[in-house]
Protein backbone atom coordinates (compact mmCIF):
# COMPACT_ATOMS: atom_id res chain seq x y z
CA MET A 1 -58.72 -29.18 -20.93
CA GLN A 2 -57.25 -31.86 -19.40
CA ILE A 3 -53.92 -33.18 -20.37
CA LYS A 4 -52.87 -37.03 -19.54
CA ILE A 5 -49.25 -37.02 -17.90
CA LYS A 6 -47.65 -40.78 -17.77
CA LYS A 7 -44.83 -40.75 -14.31
CA ILE A 8 -42.05 -42.75 -15.91
CA HIS A 9 -40.01 -42.38 -13.14
CA PRO A 10 -41.21 -42.40 -9.10
CA ASP A 11 -39.87 -39.01 -8.14
CA ALA A 12 -41.02 -37.12 -11.00
CA LYS A 13 -43.02 -33.98 -9.84
CA THR A 14 -46.76 -33.07 -11.59
CA PRO A 15 -46.41 -29.60 -13.40
CA THR A 16 -47.67 -26.49 -11.18
CA TYR A 17 -48.86 -22.98 -11.86
CA ALA A 18 -47.15 -20.69 -9.36
CA THR A 19 -50.12 -17.97 -9.51
CA ASP A 20 -53.84 -18.06 -10.50
CA GLY A 21 -52.19 -15.55 -13.44
CA SER A 22 -49.19 -17.89 -14.33
CA GLY A 23 -49.37 -18.45 -18.21
CA CYS A 24 -47.23 -21.38 -18.53
CA PHE A 25 -46.81 -24.46 -15.86
CA ASP A 26 -43.40 -25.37 -14.38
CA LEU A 27 -41.49 -28.48 -15.06
CA TYR A 28 -39.25 -30.17 -12.26
CA ALA A 29 -36.04 -31.75 -12.42
CA ILE A 30 -35.64 -35.17 -10.98
CA ASN A 31 -31.69 -35.69 -11.07
CA PRO A 32 -30.99 -36.82 -7.74
CA LEU A 33 -27.72 -34.93 -7.05
CA ALA A 34 -27.50 -31.03 -7.21
CA THR A 35 -25.96 -29.96 -10.68
CA LEU A 36 -24.28 -26.62 -11.63
CA VAL A 37 -24.99 -24.91 -14.81
CA HIS A 38 -21.48 -23.68 -16.32
CA GLU A 39 -20.77 -21.43 -18.97
CA GLY A 40 -19.74 -23.90 -21.89
CA TYR A 41 -20.80 -26.93 -20.24
CA PRO A 42 -24.89 -27.74 -20.86
CA VAL A 43 -26.41 -30.03 -18.95
CA THR A 44 -29.81 -32.20 -19.56
CA PHE A 45 -32.32 -32.42 -16.99
CA ASP A 46 -34.97 -35.28 -16.72
CA THR A 47 -38.53 -34.42 -15.71
CA GLY A 48 -39.67 -38.13 -15.14
CA LEU A 49 -42.55 -37.04 -17.34
CA ALA A 50 -44.25 -38.06 -20.50
CA PHE A 51 -47.35 -36.22 -22.01
CA GLU A 52 -50.23 -37.02 -24.21
CA ILE A 53 -50.64 -33.81 -25.77
CA PRO A 54 -53.88 -33.55 -27.76
CA GLN A 55 -54.00 -33.91 -31.63
CA GLY A 56 -54.03 -30.21 -33.27
CA TYR A 57 -51.69 -28.71 -30.06
CA GLY A 58 -48.19 -28.60 -28.71
CA MET A 59 -46.46 -27.89 -25.65
CA PHE A 60 -43.92 -25.16 -25.95
CA ILE A 61 -41.02 -24.99 -23.43
CA LEU A 62 -39.71 -22.04 -22.32
CA SER A 63 -36.83 -20.53 -20.26
CA ARG A 64 -37.74 -19.54 -16.53
CA SER A 65 -37.07 -15.44 -16.96
CA GLY A 66 -35.28 -16.01 -13.14
CA HIS A 67 -32.96 -18.64 -14.46
CA GLY A 68 -32.02 -15.64 -17.19
CA PHE A 69 -31.93 -12.53 -15.25
CA ASN A 70 -30.32 -14.13 -12.22
CA PHE A 71 -27.83 -16.57 -13.73
CA ASP A 72 -27.31 -16.09 -17.63
CA THR A 73 -28.92 -19.55 -18.09
CA ARG A 74 -31.65 -20.41 -20.51
CA LEU A 75 -32.59 -24.00 -22.75
CA ALA A 76 -29.83 -24.96 -24.66
CA ASN A 77 -32.62 -24.77 -28.00
CA CYS A 78 -34.23 -21.50 -26.56
CA VAL A 79 -37.27 -22.92 -27.22
CA GLY A 80 -38.44 -26.59 -27.45
CA PHE A 81 -41.78 -27.86 -28.94
CA ILE A 82 -43.48 -31.32 -28.08
CA ASP A 83 -45.48 -32.38 -31.08
CA SER A 84 -48.73 -34.26 -30.12
CA ASP A 85 -47.46 -37.57 -31.41
CA TYR A 86 -44.55 -37.72 -29.13
CA ARG A 87 -45.16 -40.16 -26.40
CA GLY A 88 -41.48 -40.28 -24.80
CA GLU A 89 -40.09 -38.34 -21.29
CA VAL A 90 -39.61 -34.36 -21.71
CA LYS A 91 -35.95 -33.35 -21.13
CA VAL A 92 -34.69 -29.75 -20.47
CA LYS A 93 -31.11 -29.08 -21.48
CA LEU A 94 -29.95 -25.76 -19.76
CA THR A 95 -27.19 -23.65 -20.76
CA CYS A 96 -25.29 -20.48 -19.26
CA ASP A 97 -24.18 -17.84 -21.59
CA LYS A 98 -22.07 -16.06 -19.40
CA GLU A 99 -20.69 -16.54 -16.01
CA HIS A 100 -19.93 -13.41 -13.75
CA GLU A 101 -17.75 -13.35 -10.86
CA GLU A 102 -20.34 -11.60 -8.61
CA ALA A 103 -22.84 -14.34 -9.20
CA MET A 104 -22.21 -18.21 -8.24
CA PRO A 105 -23.29 -21.01 -11.14
CA MET A 106 -27.03 -21.77 -11.10
CA ALA A 107 -27.48 -24.93 -8.77
CA VAL A 108 -30.46 -27.61 -9.78
CA LYS A 109 -31.33 -30.01 -7.91
CA ALA A 110 -34.22 -32.69 -7.74
CA GLY A 111 -37.46 -30.70 -7.22
CA ASP A 112 -36.44 -27.62 -8.74
CA ARG A 113 -38.18 -25.61 -11.32
CA ILE A 114 -36.38 -25.87 -14.41
CA ALA A 115 -38.39 -24.58 -17.33
CA GLN A 116 -41.82 -23.99 -17.99
CA ALA A 117 -44.36 -24.45 -20.43
CA CYS A 118 -47.82 -24.45 -22.25
CA ILE A 119 -50.23 -26.12 -24.34
CA LEU A 120 -50.92 -23.77 -27.46
CA PRO A 121 -53.07 -24.83 -30.59
CA VAL A 122 -50.92 -25.45 -34.01
CA PRO A 123 -52.96 -25.47 -36.85
CA ARG A 124 -52.58 -27.92 -39.77
CA VAL A 125 -51.98 -25.73 -42.73
CA GLY A 126 -51.64 -26.39 -46.62
CA PHE A 127 -49.74 -24.64 -49.07
CA GLU A 128 -50.51 -23.31 -52.14
CA ILE A 129 -47.87 -22.40 -55.12
CA THR A 130 -48.79 -19.28 -56.68
CA GLU A 131 -47.27 -16.45 -58.76
CA GLU A 132 -48.06 -13.41 -56.94
CA LEU A 133 -48.74 -12.47 -53.07
CA SER A 134 -50.99 -9.79 -51.77
CA GLU A 135 -49.62 -5.98 -51.63
CA THR A 136 -48.93 -5.00 -47.96
CA VAL A 137 -47.52 -1.56 -46.87
CA ARG A 138 -44.43 -3.39 -46.06
CA GLY A 139 -43.76 -5.41 -48.87
CA GLU A 140 -40.44 -6.60 -49.12
CA GLY A 141 -38.94 -4.64 -46.42
CA GLY A 142 -36.76 -6.72 -44.24
CA PHE A 143 -35.23 -6.55 -40.86
CA GLY A 144 -35.62 -3.03 -39.37
CA SER A 145 -37.38 -1.51 -42.17
CA SER A 146 -40.74 -1.03 -39.81
CA GLY A 147 -38.49 1.05 -37.70
CA SER A 148 -36.09 -0.29 -35.45
């Protein structure tokens, strides 16, 4: 699948896959100055890119695991989603959940990887109002009902 990308800033970097086995591609910051992501002060980063996502697909934006494990930093909205009809710039907002005395805050500069993304099918569904739903073993069992 080929995805059309429009560079809306001259410093924008084309997304890349880190390895042949990577499931997601990396998105990069274009903000010119190094920015620290501190607890309680979310920061929005520009990518300088707009995407043409095919109809029937969406782009899921996810945190990078290294940011979470090393800096307790993640996407402010946990998971981002880009609809197929959106043509504006993709931005990434990072937030730090907890700063640790033994670790420095995460510093982000232009060209750094700030998130990962993947293109996945998102079927358009219809809805049918009914009086009954099919039976399952779980039934109406809520959170933890299937065993932790």
